[in-house]
């Protein structure tokens, strides 16, 4: 099974600026191309975001989940890559 990403990320909700959104899309697409397991994809994205934008980021990757989170203002994004949802947010 190939995990190569042929689809562009589809934004569902966000309160981040366009530059950060573009970087998160880039990091996430690269993680999807490198890893097959959702946990590994999430871990890769989280580590890169913590390094690039400071601690503490949380990343949830999956096809079926619910959520209710508190996040820093300007640091929340929810989007899809293919049929997989990604919820990415930063807390203090």
PDB file of N, CA and C in Angstrom:
ATOM      1  N   UNK A   1       0.837  -1.179   0.000  1.00  0.00           N
ATOM      2  CA  UNK A   1       0.000   0.000   0.000  1.00  0.00           C
ATOM      3  C   UNK A   1       0.882   1.242   0.000  1.00  0.00           C
ATOM      4  N   UNK A   2       0.702   2.094  -0.935  1.00  0.00           N
ATOM      5  CA  UNK A   2       1.445   3.345  -1.011  1.00  0.00           C
ATOM      6  C   UNK A   2       0.715   4.410  -0.217  1.00  0.00           C
ATOM      7  N   UNK A   3       1.479   5.234   0.461  1.00  0.00           N
ATOM      8  CA  UNK A   3       0.896   6.318   1.239  1.00  0.00           C
ATOM      9  C   UNK A   3       1.208   7.670   0.612  1.00  0.00           C
ATOM     10  N   UNK A   4       1.701   7.654  -0.621  1.00  0.00           N
ATOM     11  CA  UNK A   4       2.074   8.907  -1.277  1.00  0.00           C
ATOM     12  C   UNK A   4       0.862   9.817  -1.402  1.00  0.00           C
ATOM     13  N   UNK A   5       1.082  11.065  -1.129  1.00  0.00           N
ATOM     14  CA  UNK A   5      -0.003  12.043  -1.149  1.00  0.00           C
ATOM     15  C   UNK A   5      -0.137  12.637  -2.541  1.00  0.00           C
ATOM     16  N   UNK A   6      -1.295  12.405  -3.155  1.00  0.00           N
ATOM     17  CA  UNK A   6      -1.580  12.968  -4.466  1.00  0.00           C
ATOM     18  C   UNK A   6      -2.553  14.139  -4.365  1.00  0.00           C
ATOM     19  N   UNK A   7      -3.095  14.349  -3.173  1.00  0.00           N
ATOM     20  CA  UNK A   7      -4.116  15.371  -2.997  1.00  0.00           C
ATOM     21  C   UNK A   7      -3.586  16.532  -2.170  1.00  0.00           C
ATOM     22  N   UNK A   8      -4.028  17.717  -2.502  1.00  0.00           N
ATOM     23  CA  UNK A   8      -3.670  18.896  -1.719  1.00  0.00           C
ATOM     24  C   UNK A   8      -4.475  18.902  -0.427  1.00  0.00           C
ATOM     25  N   UNK A   9      -3.901  19.437   0.650  1.00  0.00           N
ATOM     26  CA  UNK A   9      -4.665  19.556   1.893  1.00  0.00           C
ATOM     27  C   UNK A   9      -5.908  20.424   1.683  1.00  0.00           C
ATOM     28  N   UNK A  10      -6.999  20.020   2.332  1.00  0.00           N
ATOM     29  CA  UNK A  10      -8.266  20.745   2.259  1.00  0.00           C
ATOM     30  C   UNK A  10      -8.562  21.335   3.638  1.00  0.00           C
ATOM     31  N   UNK A  11      -8.553  22.643   3.725  1.00  0.00           N
ATOM     32  CA  UNK A  11      -8.770  23.345   4.985  1.00  0.00           C
ATOM     33  C   UNK A  11     -10.238  23.282   5.394  1.00  0.00           C
ATOM     34  N   UNK A  12     -10.489  22.926   6.657  1.00  0.00           N
ATOM     35  CA  UNK A  12     -11.849  22.905   7.201  1.00  0.00           C
ATOM     36  C   UNK A  12     -12.083  24.032   8.205  1.00  0.00           C
ATOM     37  N   UNK A  13     -11.086  24.303   9.058  1.00  0.00           N
ATOM     38  CA  UNK A  13     -11.207  25.381  10.047  1.00  0.00           C
ATOM     39  C   UNK A  13      -9.812  25.797  10.485  1.00  0.00           C
ATOM     40  N   UNK A  14      -9.654  27.095  10.765  1.00  0.00           N
ATOM     41  CA  UNK A  14      -8.330  27.578  11.138  1.00  0.00           C
ATOM     42  C   UNK A  14      -8.416  28.977  11.722  1.00  0.00           C
ATOM     43  N   UNK A  15      -7.476  29.284  12.597  1.00  0.00           N
ATOM     44  CA  UNK A  15      -7.316  30.673  13.026  1.00  0.00           C
ATOM     45  C   UNK A  15      -5.841  31.093  12.947  1.00  0.00           C
ATOM     46  N   UNK A  16      -5.069  30.401  12.103  1.00  0.00           N
ATOM     47  CA  UNK A  16      -3.649  30.722  11.954  1.00  0.00           C
ATOM     48  C   UNK A  16      -3.418  31.598  10.730  1.00  0.00           C
ATOM     49  N   UNK A  17      -2.246  32.216  10.674  1.00  0.00           N
ATOM     50  CA  UNK A  17      -1.927  33.051   9.514  1.00  0.00           C
ATOM     51  C   UNK A  17      -1.547  32.178   8.315  1.00  0.00           C
ATOM     52  N   UNK A  18      -1.558  32.751   7.145  1.00  0.00           N
ATOM     53  CA  UNK A  18      -1.326  31.992   5.913  1.00  0.00           C
ATOM     54  C   UNK A  18       0.067  31.378   5.845  1.00  0.00           C
ATOM     55  N   UNK A  19       1.085  32.077   6.336  1.00  0.00           N
ATOM     56  CA  UNK A  19       2.442  31.525   6.296  1.00  0.00           C
ATOM     57  C   UNK A  19       2.553  30.267   7.147  1.00  0.00           C
ATOM     58  N   UNK A  20       1.970  30.299   8.355  1.00  0.00           N
ATOM     59  CA  UNK A  20       2.010  29.128   9.230  1.00  0.00           C
ATOM     60  C   UNK A  20       1.175  28.000   8.628  1.00  0.00           C
ATOM     61  N   UNK A  21       0.030  28.334   8.063  1.00  0.00           N
ATOM     62  CA  UNK A  21      -0.814  27.321   7.410  1.00  0.00           C
ATOM     63  C   UNK A  21      -0.041  26.625   6.305  1.00  0.00           C
ATOM     64  N   UNK A  22       0.611  27.392   5.457  1.00  0.00           N
ATOM     65  CA  UNK A  22       1.375  26.807   4.354  1.00  0.00           C
ATOM     66  C   UNK A  22       2.487  25.903   4.869  1.00  0.00           C
ATOM     67  N   UNK A  23       3.157  26.300   5.942  1.00  0.00           N
ATOM     68  CA  UNK A  23       4.231  25.481   6.510  1.00  0.00           C
ATOM     69  C   UNK A  23       3.678  24.194   7.113  1.00  0.00           C
ATOM     70  N   UNK A  24       2.546  24.274   7.803  1.00  0.00           N
ATOM     71  CA  UNK A  24       1.923  23.075   8.368  1.00  0.00           C
ATOM     72  C   UNK A  24       1.477  22.137   7.251  1.00  0.00           C
ATOM     73  N   UNK A  25       0.909  22.667   6.184  1.00  0.00           N
ATOM     74  CA  UNK A  25       0.533  21.833   5.039  1.00  0.00           C
ATOM     75  C   UNK A  25       1.759  21.136   4.457  1.00  0.00           C
ATOM     76  N   UNK A  26       2.860  21.852   4.311  1.00  0.00           N
ATOM     77  CA  UNK A  26       4.094  21.285   3.751  1.00  0.00           C
ATOM     78  C   UNK A  26       4.641  20.177   4.653  1.00  0.00           C
ATOM     79  N   UNK A  27       4.761  20.465   5.945  1.00  0.00           N
ATOM     80  CA  UNK A  27       5.275  19.485   6.906  1.00  0.00           C
ATOM     81  C   UNK A  27       4.380  18.251   6.932  1.00  0.00           C
ATOM     82  N   UNK A  28       3.075  18.448   6.912  1.00  0.00           N
ATOM     83  CA  UNK A  28       2.126  17.331   6.977  1.00  0.00           C
ATOM     84  C   UNK A  28       2.185  16.471   5.724  1.00  0.00           C
ATOM     85  N   UNK A  29       2.248  17.089   4.568  1.00  0.00           N
ATOM     86  CA  UNK A  29       2.343  16.337   3.314  1.00  0.00           C
ATOM     87  C   UNK A  29       3.621  15.506   3.285  1.00  0.00           C
ATOM     88  N   UNK A  30       4.724  16.080   3.730  1.00  0.00           N
ATOM     89  CA  UNK A  30       5.985  15.334   3.791  1.00  0.00           C
ATOM     90  C   UNK A  30       5.877  14.150   4.746  1.00  0.00           C
ATOM     91  N   UNK A  31       5.223  14.338   5.889  1.00  0.00           N
ATOM     92  CA  UNK A  31       5.052  13.249   6.854  1.00  0.00           C
ATOM     93  C   UNK A  31       4.196  12.129   6.269  1.00  0.00           C
ATOM     94  N   UNK A  32       3.138  12.482   5.533  1.00  0.00           N
ATOM     95  CA  UNK A  32       2.299  11.469   4.889  1.00  0.00           C
ATOM     96  C   UNK A  32       3.095  10.670   3.864  1.00  0.00           C
ATOM     97  N   UNK A  33       4.008  11.325   3.173  1.00  0.00           N
ATOM     98  CA  UNK A  33       4.818  10.633   2.171  1.00  0.00           C
ATOM     99  C   UNK A  33       5.894   9.762   2.796  1.00  0.00           C
ATOM    100  N   UNK A  34       6.320  10.091   4.014  1.00  0.00           N
ATOM    101  CA  UNK A  34       7.395   9.349   4.666  1.00  0.00           C
ATOM    102  C   UNK A  34       6.897   8.199   5.528  1.00  0.00           C
ATOM    103  N   UNK A  35       5.741   8.354   6.164  1.00  0.00           N
ATOM    104  CA  UNK A  35       5.248   7.364   7.122  1.00  0.00           C
ATOM    105  C   UNK A  35       3.904   6.793   6.688  1.00  0.00           C
ATOM    106  N   UNK A  36       3.596   5.589   7.178  1.00  0.00           N
ATOM    107  CA  UNK A  36       2.324   4.934   6.865  1.00  0.00           C
ATOM    108  C   UNK A  36       1.388   4.875   8.064  1.00  0.00           C
ATOM    109  N   UNK A  37       1.950   4.867   9.264  1.00  0.00           N
ATOM    110  CA  UNK A  37       1.164   4.728  10.490  1.00  0.00           C
ATOM    111  C   UNK A  37       0.774   6.114  11.001  1.00  0.00           C
ATOM    112  N   UNK A  38      -0.501   6.287  11.334  1.00  0.00           N
ATOM    113  CA  UNK A  38      -1.003   7.594  11.763  1.00  0.00           C
ATOM    114  C   UNK A  38      -0.221   8.158  12.943  1.00  0.00           C
ATOM    115  N   UNK A  39       0.133   7.311  13.897  1.00  0.00           N
ATOM    116  CA  UNK A  39       0.898   7.765  15.065  1.00  0.00           C
ATOM    117  C   UNK A  39       2.260   8.321  14.650  1.00  0.00           C
ATOM    118  N   UNK A  40       2.904   7.667  13.700  1.00  0.00           N
ATOM    119  CA  UNK A  40       4.207   8.133  13.216  1.00  0.00           C
ATOM    120  C   UNK A  40       4.076   9.450  12.451  1.00  0.00           C
ATOM    121  N   UNK A  41       3.009   9.577  11.674  1.00  0.00           N
ATOM    122  CA  UNK A  41       2.744  10.825  10.951  1.00  0.00           C
ATOM    123  C   UNK A  41       2.567  11.961  11.959  1.00  0.00           C
ATOM    124  N   UNK A  42       1.727  11.732  12.965  1.00  0.00           N
ATOM    125  CA  UNK A  42       1.471  12.750  13.983  1.00  0.00           C
ATOM    126  C   UNK A  42       2.749  13.119  14.732  1.00  0.00           C
ATOM    127  N   UNK A  43       3.543  12.118  15.096  1.00  0.00           N
ATOM    128  CA  UNK A  43       4.783  12.377  15.827  1.00  0.00           C
ATOM    129  C   UNK A  43       5.761  13.215  15.029  1.00  0.00           C
ATOM    130  N   UNK A  44       5.886  12.917  13.755  1.00  0.00           N
ATOM    131  CA  UNK A  44       6.788  13.671  12.890  1.00  0.00           C
ATOM    132  C   UNK A  44       6.350  15.131  12.777  1.00  0.00           C
ATOM    133  N   UNK A  45       5.062  15.342  12.565  1.00  0.00           N
ATOM    134  CA  UNK A  45       4.537  16.702  12.443  1.00  0.00           C
ATOM    135  C   UNK A  45       4.756  17.471  13.745  1.00  0.00           C
ATOM    136  N   UNK A  46       4.418  16.844  14.875  1.00  0.00           N
ATOM    137  CA  UNK A  46       4.559  17.502  16.179  1.00  0.00           C
ATOM    138  C   UNK A  46       5.996  17.921  16.444  1.00  0.00           C
ATOM    139  N   UNK A  47       6.940  17.025  16.213  1.00  0.00           N
ATOM    140  CA  UNK A  47       8.351  17.336  16.477  1.00  0.00           C
ATOM    141  C   UNK A  47       8.824  18.514  15.630  1.00  0.00           C
ATOM    142  N   UNK A  48       8.433  18.524  14.367  1.00  0.00           N
ATOM    143  CA  UNK A  48       8.849  19.621  13.485  1.00  0.00           C
ATOM    144  C   UNK A  48       8.212  20.956  13.890  1.00  0.00           C
ATOM    145  N   UNK A  49       6.944  20.918  14.285  1.00  0.00           N
ATOM    146  CA  UNK A  49       6.278  22.152  14.703  1.00  0.00           C
ATOM    147  C   UNK A  49       6.862  22.685  16.010  1.00  0.00           C
ATOM    148  N   UNK A  50       7.156  21.790  16.964  1.00  0.00           N
ATOM    149  CA  UNK A  50       7.783  22.219  18.216  1.00  0.00           C
ATOM    150  C   UNK A  50       9.119  22.902  17.938  1.00  0.00           C
ATOM    151  N   UNK A  51       9.884  22.352  17.000  1.00  0.00           N
ATOM    152  CA  UNK A  51      11.187  22.923  16.658  1.00  0.00           C
ATOM    153  C   UNK A  51      11.037  24.262  15.944  1.00  0.00           C
ATOM    154  N   UNK A  52      10.151  24.310  14.975  1.00  0.00           N
ATOM    155  CA  UNK A  52      10.021  25.512  14.136  1.00  0.00           C
ATOM    156  C   UNK A  52       9.267  26.656  14.820  1.00  0.00           C
ATOM    157  N   UNK A  53       8.194  26.314  15.562  1.00  0.00           N
ATOM    158  CA  UNK A  53       7.316  27.340  16.122  1.00  0.00           C
ATOM    159  C   UNK A  53       7.277  27.356  17.654  1.00  0.00           C
ATOM    160  N   UNK A  54       8.099  26.562  18.312  1.00  0.00           N
ATOM    161  CA  UNK A  54       8.126  26.519  19.773  1.00  0.00           C
ATOM    162  C   UNK A  54       7.088  25.562  20.339  1.00  0.00           C
ATOM    163  N   UNK A  55       7.322  25.141  21.575  1.00  0.00           N
ATOM    164  CA  UNK A  55       6.439  24.184  22.256  1.00  0.00           C
ATOM    165  C   UNK A  55       5.130  24.858  22.660  1.00  0.00           C
ATOM    166  N   UNK A  56       4.096  24.182  22.851  1.00  0.00           N
ATOM    167  CA  UNK A  56       3.840  22.761  22.761  1.00  0.00           C
ATOM    168  C   UNK A  56       2.701  22.530  21.775  1.00  0.00           C
ATOM    169  N   UNK A  57       3.002  21.779  20.714  1.00  0.00           N
ATOM    170  CA  UNK A  57       2.017  21.460  19.677  1.00  0.00           C
ATOM    171  C   UNK A  57       1.412  20.086  19.935  1.00  0.00           C
ATOM    172  N   UNK A  58       0.170  19.921  19.516  1.00  0.00           N
ATOM    173  CA  UNK A  58      -0.543  18.650  19.599  1.00  0.00           C
ATOM    174  C   UNK A  58      -1.057  18.334  18.202  1.00  0.00           C
ATOM    175  N   UNK A  59      -0.928  17.068  17.808  1.00  0.00           N
ATOM    176  CA  UNK A  59      -1.321  16.658  16.458  1.00  0.00           C
ATOM    177  C   UNK A  59      -2.136  15.376  16.558  1.00  0.00           C
ATOM    178  N   UNK A  60      -3.328  15.400  16.003  1.00  0.00           N
ATOM    179  CA  UNK A  60      -4.196  14.226  15.947  1.00  0.00           C
ATOM    180  C   UNK A  60      -4.433  13.916  14.479  1.00  0.00           C
ATOM    181  N   UNK A  61      -4.181  12.656  14.109  1.00  0.00           N
ATOM    182  CA  UNK A  61      -4.312  12.217  12.720  1.00  0.00           C
ATOM    183  C   UNK A  61      -5.216  10.991  12.698  1.00  0.00           C
ATOM    184  N   UNK A  62      -6.256  11.008  11.877  1.00  0.00           N
ATOM    185  CA  UNK A  62      -7.112   9.835  11.799  1.00  0.00           C
ATOM    186  C   UNK A  62      -8.318  10.048  10.912  1.00  0.00           C
ATOM    187  N   UNK A  63      -9.077   8.974  10.758  1.00  0.00           N
ATOM    188  CA  UNK A  63     -10.260   9.016   9.904  1.00  0.00           C
ATOM    189  C   UNK A  63     -11.554   9.115  10.696  1.00  0.00           C
ATOM    190  N   UNK A  64     -11.488   8.915  12.015  1.00  0.00           N
ATOM    191  CA  UNK A  64     -12.708   8.937  12.809  1.00  0.00           C
ATOM    192  C   UNK A  64     -12.365   9.321  14.244  1.00  0.00           C
ATOM    193  N   UNK A  65     -12.579  10.575  14.590  1.00  0.00           N
ATOM    194  CA  UNK A  65     -12.347  11.002  15.966  1.00  0.00           C
ATOM    195  C   UNK A  65     -13.190  12.234  16.265  1.00  0.00           C
ATOM    196  N   UNK A  66     -13.451  12.424  17.524  1.00  0.00           N
ATOM    197  CA  UNK A  66     -14.094  13.640  17.990  1.00  0.00           C
ATOM    198  C   UNK A  66     -13.087  14.410  18.819  1.00  0.00           C
ATOM    199  N   UNK A  67     -13.330  15.685  18.994  1.00  0.00           N
ATOM    200  CA  UNK A  67     -12.390  16.467  19.792  1.00  0.00           C
ATOM    201  C   UNK A  67     -13.087  17.667  20.412  1.00  0.00           C
ATOM    202  N   UNK A  68     -12.498  18.136  21.479  1.00  0.00           N
ATOM    203  CA  UNK A  68     -12.917  19.372  22.132  1.00  0.00           C
ATOM    204  C   UNK A  68     -11.671  19.895  22.810  1.00  0.00           C
ATOM    205  N   UNK A  69     -11.052  20.909  22.250  1.00  0.00           N
ATOM    206  CA  UNK A  69      -9.736  21.328  22.722  1.00  0.00           C
ATOM    207  C   UNK A  69      -9.695  22.816  23.044  1.00  0.00           C
ATOM    208  N   UNK A  70      -8.736  23.171  23.875  1.00  0.00           N
ATOM    209  CA  UNK A  70      -8.403  24.560  24.146  1.00  0.00           C
ATOM    210  C   UNK A  70      -7.031  24.806  23.546  1.00  0.00           C
ATOM    211  N   UNK A  71      -6.876  25.933  22.852  1.00  0.00           N
ATOM    212  CA  UNK A  71      -5.615  26.194  22.162  1.00  0.00           C
ATOM    213  C   UNK A  71      -5.251  27.664  22.280  1.00  0.00           C
ATOM    214  N   UNK A  72      -3.986  27.947  21.999  1.00  0.00           N
ATOM    215  CA  UNK A  72      -3.552  29.342  21.945  1.00  0.00           C
ATOM    216  C   UNK A  72      -4.242  30.032  20.775  1.00  0.00           C
ATOM    217  N   UNK A  73      -4.637  31.270  20.976  1.00  0.00           N
ATOM    218  CA  UNK A  73      -5.240  32.042  19.891  1.00  0.00           C
ATOM    219  C   UNK A  73      -4.241  32.144  18.735  1.00  0.00           C
ATOM    220  N   UNK A  74      -4.736  31.883  17.531  1.00  0.00           N
ATOM    221  CA  UNK A  74      -3.884  31.959  16.347  1.00  0.00           C
ATOM    222  C   UNK A  74      -3.053  30.716  16.088  1.00  0.00           C
ATOM    223  N   UNK A  75      -3.382  29.608  16.760  1.00  0.00           N
ATOM    224  CA  UNK A  75      -2.579  28.390  16.625  1.00  0.00           C
ATOM    225  C   UNK A  75      -3.457  27.137  16.545  1.00  0.00           C
ATOM    226  N   UNK A  76      -4.451  27.152  15.677  1.00  0.00           N
ATOM    227  CA  UNK A  76      -5.359  26.012  15.497  1.00  0.00           C
ATOM    228  C   UNK A  76      -5.633  25.827  14.015  1.00  0.00           C
ATOM    229  N   UNK A  77      -5.571  24.566  13.576  1.00  0.00           N
ATOM    230  CA  UNK A  77      -5.929  24.260  12.188  1.00  0.00           C
ATOM    231  C   UNK A  77      -6.497  22.843  12.123  1.00  0.00           C
ATOM    232  N   UNK A  78      -7.537  22.694  11.341  1.00  0.00           N
ATOM    233  CA  UNK A  78      -8.185  21.403  11.105  1.00  0.00           C
ATOM    234  C   UNK A  78      -8.313  21.257   9.599  1.00  0.00           C
ATOM    235  N   UNK A  79      -7.770  20.162   9.060  1.00  0.00           N
ATOM    236  CA  UNK A  79      -7.782  19.978   7.617  1.00  0.00           C
ATOM    237  C   UNK A  79      -7.722  18.498   7.266  1.00  0.00           C
ATOM    238  N   UNK A  80      -7.930  18.205   5.999  1.00  0.00           N
ATOM    239  CA  UNK A  80      -7.859  16.842   5.481  1.00  0.00           C
ATOM    240  C   UNK A  80      -6.746  16.731   4.457  1.00  0.00           C
ATOM    241  N   UNK A  81      -6.113  15.570   4.460  1.00  0.00           N
ATOM    242  CA  UNK A  81      -5.270  15.141   3.348  1.00  0.00           C
ATOM    243  C   UNK A  81      -5.894  13.836   2.880  1.00  0.00           C
ATOM    244  N   UNK A  82      -6.455  13.853   1.693  1.00  0.00           N
ATOM    245  CA  UNK A  82      -7.220  12.695   1.235  1.00  0.00           C
ATOM    246  C   UNK A  82      -8.408  12.504   2.163  1.00  0.00           C
ATOM    247  N   UNK A  83      -8.583  11.283   2.659  1.00  0.00           N
ATOM    248  CA  UNK A  83      -9.700  10.988   3.557  1.00  0.00           C
ATOM    249  C   UNK A  83      -9.288  11.018   5.027  1.00  0.00           C
ATOM    250  N   UNK A  84      -8.086  11.484   5.308  1.00  0.00           N
ATOM    251  CA  UNK A  84      -7.566  11.518   6.673  1.00  0.00           C
ATOM    252  C   UNK A  84      -7.591  12.942   7.223  1.00  0.00           C
ATOM    253  N   UNK A  85      -8.172  13.082   8.412  1.00  0.00           N
ATOM    254  CA  UNK A  85      -8.260  14.389   9.065  1.00  0.00           C
ATOM    255  C   UNK A  85      -7.029  14.641   9.928  1.00  0.00           C
ATOM    256  N   UNK A  86      -6.660  15.913  10.018  1.00  0.00           N
ATOM    257  CA  UNK A  86      -5.575  16.333  10.900  1.00  0.00           C
ATOM    258  C   UNK A  86      -6.061  17.507  11.737  1.00  0.00           C
ATOM    259  N   UNK A  87      -5.913  17.382  13.033  1.00  0.00           N
ATOM    260  CA  UNK A  87      -6.222  18.444  13.972  1.00  0.00           C
ATOM    261  C   UNK A  87      -4.898  18.842  14.614  1.00  0.00           C
ATOM    262  N   UNK A  88      -4.497  20.084  14.426  1.00  0.00           N
ATOM    263  CA  UNK A  88      -3.189  20.558  14.880  1.00  0.00           C
ATOM    264  C   UNK A  88      -3.407  21.844  15.669  1.00  0.00           C
ATOM    265  N   UNK A  89      -2.882  21.879  16.900  1.00  0.00           N
ATOM    266  CA  UNK A  89      -3.052  23.071  17.717  1.00  0.00           C
ATOM    267  C   UNK A  89      -1.927  23.190  18.731  1.00  0.00           C
ATOM    268  N   UNK A  90      -1.733  24.406  19.201  1.00  0.00           N
ATOM    269  CA  UNK A  90      -0.672  24.700  20.164  1.00  0.00           C
ATOM    270  C   UNK A  90      -1.286  25.122  21.491  1.00  0.00           C
ATOM    271  N   UNK A  91      -0.649  24.668  22.583  1.00  0.00           N
ATOM    272  CA  UNK A  91      -1.047  25.082  23.926  1.00  0.00           C
ATOM    273  C   UNK A  91       0.169  25.643  24.655  1.00  0.00           C
ATOM    274  N   UNK A  92      -0.097  26.325  25.754  1.00  0.00           N
ATOM    275  CA  UNK A  92       1.012  26.881  26.535  1.00  0.00           C
ATOM    276  C   UNK A  92       1.493  25.900  27.571  1.00  0.00           C
TER     277      UNK A  92
END
